């Protein structure tokens, strides 16, 4: 099972590197379904870089989950799960409040 999680981790890392370079906004759920006029209101590079940083954290949590399976250390599983849930809640709150990624007019 741990090896399967490592295989799942590889596309996450590729997506992480792509986003942290400021590219790949069309792969972000919600952003790709906006109309062109709505997309023009957002700073695409800042949004991608933020999501890239979040993806680094998610990749780390997936790595911890895989290591907990391989090394049979329950504490790694707990740390990975807490990190994953914390990142998800933080991302939802941070990205949906304060118009942080809208272009300043």
C-alpha atoms as a PDB file:
ATOM      1  CA  UNK A   1       0.000   0.000   0.000  1.00  0.00           C
ATOM      2  CA  UNK A   2       2.870   2.378   0.784  1.00  0.00           C
ATOM      3  CA  UNK A   3       4.311   1.940  -2.707  1.00  0.00           C
ATOM      4  CA  UNK A   4       0.933   2.786  -4.240  1.00  0.00           C
ATOM      5  CA  UNK A   5       0.862   6.026  -2.257  1.00  0.00           C
ATOM      6  CA  UNK A   6       4.332   6.892  -3.591  1.00  0.00           C
ATOM      7  CA  UNK A   7       2.997   6.344  -7.125  1.00  0.00           C
ATOM      8  CA  UNK A   8       0.132   8.730  -6.352  1.00  0.00           C
ATOM      9  CA  UNK A   9       2.646  11.233  -4.986  1.00  0.00           C
ATOM     10  CA  UNK A  10       4.477  11.587  -8.324  1.00  0.00           C
ATOM     11  CA  UNK A  11       1.662  13.418 -10.214  1.00  0.00           C
ATOM     12  CA  UNK A  12       1.121  15.619  -7.147  1.00  0.00           C
ATOM     13  CA  UNK A  13       4.784  16.674  -7.244  1.00  0.00           C
ATOM     14  CA  UNK A  14       4.623  17.381 -10.984  1.00  0.00           C
ATOM     15  CA  UNK A  15       1.498  19.493 -10.464  1.00  0.00           C
ATOM     16  CA  UNK A  16       3.198  21.234  -7.525  1.00  0.00           C
ATOM     17  CA  UNK A  17       6.225  22.261  -9.580  1.00  0.00           C
ATOM     18  CA  UNK A  18       3.992  23.433 -12.422  1.00  0.00           C
ATOM     19  CA  UNK A  19       1.906  25.618 -10.105  1.00  0.00           C
ATOM     20  CA  UNK A  20       4.856  27.033  -8.191  1.00  0.00           C
ATOM     21  CA  UNK A  21       6.232  28.362 -11.493  1.00  0.00           C
ATOM     22  CA  UNK A  22       3.006  30.338 -11.951  1.00  0.00           C
ATOM     23  CA  UNK A  23       1.612  28.118 -14.683  1.00  0.00           C
ATOM     24  CA  UNK A  24      -1.253  25.636 -14.861  1.00  0.00           C
ATOM     25  CA  UNK A  25      -4.138  27.835 -13.758  1.00  0.00           C
ATOM     26  CA  UNK A  26      -6.386  26.016 -16.214  1.00  0.00           C
ATOM     27  CA  UNK A  27      -5.968  22.913 -14.038  1.00  0.00           C
ATOM     28  CA  UNK A  28      -7.381  24.616 -10.944  1.00  0.00           C
ATOM     29  CA  UNK A  29     -10.966  23.683 -10.223  1.00  0.00           C
ATOM     30  CA  UNK A  30     -13.248  26.680 -10.329  1.00  0.00           C
ATOM     31  CA  UNK A  31     -10.784  28.910 -12.142  1.00  0.00           C
ATOM     32  CA  UNK A  32     -10.999  26.950 -15.388  1.00  0.00           C
ATOM     33  CA  UNK A  33     -14.806  27.204 -15.418  1.00  0.00           C
ATOM     34  CA  UNK A  34     -14.851  31.008 -15.140  1.00  0.00           C
ATOM     35  CA  UNK A  35     -15.622  33.146 -18.144  1.00  0.00           C
ATOM     36  CA  UNK A  36     -12.771  35.113 -19.694  1.00  0.00           C
ATOM     37  CA  UNK A  37     -14.062  38.354 -18.190  1.00  0.00           C
ATOM     38  CA  UNK A  38     -14.063  36.790 -14.704  1.00  0.00           C
ATOM     39  CA  UNK A  39     -10.564  35.351 -15.202  1.00  0.00           C
ATOM     40  CA  UNK A  40      -9.307  38.825 -16.167  1.00  0.00           C
ATOM     41  CA  UNK A  41     -10.160  40.026 -12.647  1.00  0.00           C
ATOM     42  CA  UNK A  42      -7.734  37.585 -10.982  1.00  0.00           C
ATOM     43  CA  UNK A  43      -3.962  37.604 -10.653  1.00  0.00           C
ATOM     44  CA  UNK A  44      -3.326  34.215 -12.203  1.00  0.00           C
ATOM     45  CA  UNK A  45       0.362  34.003 -11.253  1.00  0.00           C
ATOM     46  CA  UNK A  46      -0.257  34.828  -7.579  1.00  0.00           C
ATOM     47  CA  UNK A  47      -3.073  32.275  -7.447  1.00  0.00           C
ATOM     48  CA  UNK A  48      -0.883  29.578  -9.012  1.00  0.00           C
ATOM     49  CA  UNK A  49       2.060  30.289  -6.707  1.00  0.00           C
ATOM     50  CA  UNK A  50      -0.175  30.156  -3.633  1.00  0.00           C
ATOM     51  CA  UNK A  51      -1.712  26.867  -4.730  1.00  0.00           C
ATOM     52  CA  UNK A  52       1.793  25.553  -5.484  1.00  0.00           C
ATOM     53  CA  UNK A  53       2.832  26.242  -1.889  1.00  0.00           C
ATOM     54  CA  UNK A  54      -0.282  24.503  -0.625  1.00  0.00           C
ATOM     55  CA  UNK A  55       0.451  21.541  -2.892  1.00  0.00           C
ATOM     56  CA  UNK A  56       3.945  21.247  -1.385  1.00  0.00           C
ATOM     57  CA  UNK A  57       2.277  20.841   2.004  1.00  0.00           C
ATOM     58  CA  UNK A  58      -0.223  18.326   0.656  1.00  0.00           C
ATOM     59  CA  UNK A  59       2.595  16.371  -0.990  1.00  0.00           C
ATOM     60  CA  UNK A  60       4.462  16.330   2.325  1.00  0.00           C
ATOM     61  CA  UNK A  61       1.381  15.027   4.111  1.00  0.00           C
ATOM     62  CA  UNK A  62       0.941  12.287   1.491  1.00  0.00           C
ATOM     63  CA  UNK A  63       4.611  11.398   1.936  1.00  0.00           C
ATOM     64  CA  UNK A  64       4.089  11.129   5.699  1.00  0.00           C
ATOM     65  CA  UNK A  65       1.063   8.889   5.141  1.00  0.00           C
ATOM     66  CA  UNK A  66       3.132   6.613   2.872  1.00  0.00           C
ATOM     67  CA  UNK A  67       6.030   6.506   5.316  1.00  0.00           C
ATOM     68  CA  UNK A  68       3.671   5.657   8.164  1.00  0.00           C
ATOM     69  CA  UNK A  69       2.467   2.669   6.166  1.00  0.00           C
ATOM     70  CA  UNK A  70       5.968   1.495   5.249  1.00  0.00           C
ATOM     71  CA  UNK A  71       7.606   2.108   8.631  1.00  0.00           C
ATOM     72  CA  UNK A  72       4.476   1.138  10.590  1.00  0.00           C
ATOM     73  CA  UNK A  73       4.672   4.310  12.687  1.00  0.00           C
ATOM     74  CA  UNK A  74       1.223   5.532  13.680  1.00  0.00           C
ATOM     75  CA  UNK A  75       2.585   8.919  14.762  1.00  0.00           C
ATOM     76  CA  UNK A  76       3.584   9.715  11.151  1.00  0.00           C
ATOM     77  CA  UNK A  77       0.038   8.932  10.041  1.00  0.00           C
ATOM     78  CA  UNK A  78      -1.420  11.243  12.677  1.00  0.00           C
ATOM     79  CA  UNK A  79       0.983  14.081  11.794  1.00  0.00           C
ATOM     80  CA  UNK A  80       0.276  13.648   8.066  1.00  0.00           C
ATOM     81  CA  UNK A  81      -3.481  13.594   8.597  1.00  0.00           C
ATOM     82  CA  UNK A  82      -3.451  16.673  10.856  1.00  0.00           C
ATOM     83  CA  UNK A  83      -1.254  18.518   8.339  1.00  0.00           C
ATOM     84  CA  UNK A  84      -3.559  17.582   5.454  1.00  0.00           C
ATOM     85  CA  UNK A  85      -6.745  18.632   7.230  1.00  0.00           C
ATOM     86  CA  UNK A  86      -5.170  21.864   8.496  1.00  0.00           C
ATOM     87  CA  UNK A  87      -3.979  22.774   4.995  1.00  0.00           C
ATOM     88  CA  UNK A  88      -7.401  22.127   3.502  1.00  0.00           C
ATOM     89  CA  UNK A  89      -9.194  24.288   6.060  1.00  0.00           C
ATOM     90  CA  UNK A  90      -6.570  27.053   5.802  1.00  0.00           C
ATOM     91  CA  UNK A  91      -6.732  27.062   1.995  1.00  0.00           C
ATOM     92  CA  UNK A  92     -10.517  27.257   1.925  1.00  0.00           C
ATOM     93  CA  UNK A  93     -10.628  30.123   4.415  1.00  0.00           C
ATOM     94  CA  UNK A  94      -7.651  32.070   3.047  1.00  0.00           C
ATOM     95  CA  UNK A  95      -8.559  31.854  -0.634  1.00  0.00           C
ATOM     96  CA  UNK A  96     -12.246  32.643  -0.174  1.00  0.00           C
ATOM     97  CA  UNK A  97     -11.917  35.677   2.089  1.00  0.00           C
ATOM     98  CA  UNK A  98     -10.530  39.113   1.442  1.00  0.00           C
ATOM     99  CA  UNK A  99     -10.337  39.042  -2.372  1.00  0.00           C
ATOM    100  CA  UNK A 100      -6.641  38.175  -2.028  1.00  0.00           C
ATOM    101  CA  UNK A 101      -6.127  37.113  -5.624  1.00  0.00           C
ATOM    102  CA  UNK A 102      -8.153  39.799  -7.379  1.00  0.00           C
ATOM    103  CA  UNK A 103      -6.207  42.345  -9.387  1.00  0.00           C
ATOM    104  CA  UNK A 104      -6.011  45.751  -7.836  1.00  0.00           C
ATOM    105  CA  UNK A 105      -7.669  48.362 -10.021  1.00  0.00           C
END
